[in-house]
Amino acid sequence: MRKLSEEAPSTWLEFSKLFEPLDESVDFYLFQLPPNLTCHERQTPTASQTKQLSGVVG
């Protein structure tokens, strides 16, 4: 699973490269957490994981 794991930023970069030709036409991408990500502490992304990914996403 890549739910905000260490692989998430590289996965996002691979995804975003596919859409580089459309950059001028795209204002934003919707970033949505999967519905099976619950509020249980062991499954909730930490602030550092969220900040790390948001720094890559922009």
C-alpha atoms as a PDB file:
ATOM      1  CA  MET A   1       0.000   0.000   0.000  1.00  0.00           C
ATOM      2  CA  ARG A   2       1.179   3.487  -0.778  1.00  0.00           C
ATOM      3  CA  LYS A   3      -1.208   5.442   1.419  1.00  0.00           C
ATOM      4  CA  LEU A   4       1.189   8.231   2.278  1.00  0.00           C
ATOM      5  CA  SER A   5       4.031   5.771   2.604  1.00  0.00           C
ATOM      6  CA  GLU A   6       7.572   6.650   1.630  1.00  0.00           C
ATOM      7  CA  GLU A   7       6.666   5.549  -1.911  1.00  0.00           C
ATOM      8  CA  ALA A   8       3.826   8.062  -2.258  1.00  0.00           C
ATOM      9  CA  PRO A   9       5.956  11.035  -3.407  1.00  0.00           C
ATOM     10  CA  SER A  10       7.691   9.022  -6.131  1.00  0.00           C
ATOM     11  CA  THR A  11       4.342   7.590  -7.231  1.00  0.00           C
ATOM     12  CA  TRP A  12       2.933  11.114  -7.463  1.00  0.00           C
ATOM     13  CA  LEU A  13       5.919  12.289  -9.502  1.00  0.00           C
ATOM     14  CA  GLU A  14       5.471   9.418 -11.960  1.00  0.00           C
ATOM     15  CA  PHE A  15       1.775  10.251 -12.265  1.00  0.00           C
ATOM     16  CA  SER A  16       2.332  13.981 -12.705  1.00  0.00           C
ATOM     17  CA  LYS A  17       4.926  13.434 -15.449  1.00  0.00           C
ATOM     18  CA  LEU A  18       2.239  11.756 -17.533  1.00  0.00           C
ATOM     19  CA  PHE A  19       0.221  14.967 -17.468  1.00  0.00           C
ATOM     20  CA  GLU A  20       3.029  17.483 -17.999  1.00  0.00           C
ATOM     21  CA  PRO A  21       1.825  18.248 -21.551  1.00  0.00           C
ATOM     22  CA  LEU A  22      -1.473  19.439 -20.025  1.00  0.00           C
ATOM     23  CA  ASP A  23       0.080  21.665 -17.333  1.00  0.00           C
ATOM     24  CA  GLU A  24      -1.084  24.871 -18.997  1.00  0.00           C
ATOM     25  CA  SER A  25      -4.675  23.616 -19.003  1.00  0.00           C
ATOM     26  CA  VAL A  26      -4.782  22.119 -15.510  1.00  0.00           C
ATOM     27  CA  ASP A  27      -5.394  24.428 -12.560  1.00  0.00           C
ATOM     28  CA  PHE A  28      -5.253  21.776  -9.848  1.00  0.00           C
ATOM     29  CA  TYR A  29      -5.428  18.065  -9.133  1.00  0.00           C
ATOM     30  CA  LEU A  30      -7.830  16.672  -6.585  1.00  0.00           C
ATOM     31  CA  PHE A  31      -5.948  14.761  -3.943  1.00  0.00           C
ATOM     32  CA  GLN A  32      -8.232  12.360  -2.136  1.00  0.00           C
ATOM     33  CA  LEU A  33      -7.450   9.857   0.570  1.00  0.00           C
ATOM     34  CA  PRO A  34      -8.897   6.387   0.081  1.00  0.00           C
ATOM     35  CA  PRO A  35     -12.157   5.672   1.923  1.00  0.00           C
ATOM     36  CA  ASN A  36     -10.628   2.742   3.786  1.00  0.00           C
ATOM     37  CA  LEU A  37      -8.188   5.089   5.525  1.00  0.00           C
ATOM     38  CA  THR A  38      -9.898   5.351   8.875  1.00  0.00           C
ATOM     39  CA  CYS A  39      -9.313   7.562  11.879  1.00  0.00           C
ATOM     40  CA  HIS A  40      -7.608   4.847  13.875  1.00  0.00           C
ATOM     41  CA  GLU A  41      -4.324   6.216  15.129  1.00  0.00           C
ATOM     42  CA  ARG A  42      -2.206   3.457  13.585  1.00  0.00           C
ATOM     43  CA  GLN A  43      -3.702   4.093  10.144  1.00  0.00           C
ATOM     44  CA  THR A  44      -4.019   7.875  10.205  1.00  0.00           C
ATOM     45  CA  PRO A  45      -1.284   9.642   8.268  1.00  0.00           C
ATOM     46  CA  THR A  46       0.994  11.623  10.495  1.00  0.00           C
ATOM     47  CA  ALA A  47       1.497  15.330  10.036  1.00  0.00           C
ATOM     48  CA  SER A  48       5.018  14.699   8.753  1.00  0.00           C
ATOM     49  CA  GLN A  49       3.770  12.219   6.117  1.00  0.00           C
ATOM     50  CA  THR A  50       1.112  14.696   4.980  1.00  0.00           C
ATOM     51  CA  LYS A  51       3.614  17.577   4.866  1.00  0.00           C
ATOM     52  CA  GLN A  52       6.110  15.452   2.942  1.00  0.00           C
ATOM     53  CA  LEU A  53       3.588  14.615   0.251  1.00  0.00           C
ATOM     54  CA  SER A  54       2.147  18.132   0.091  1.00  0.00           C
ATOM     55  CA  GLY A  55       5.664  19.476  -0.462  1.00  0.00           C
ATOM     56  CA  VAL A  56       6.019  17.228  -3.495  1.00  0.00           C
ATOM     57  CA  VAL A  57       2.509  17.820  -4.813  1.00  0.00           C
ATOM     58  CA  GLY A  58       2.761  21.560  -4.389  1.00  0.00           C
END
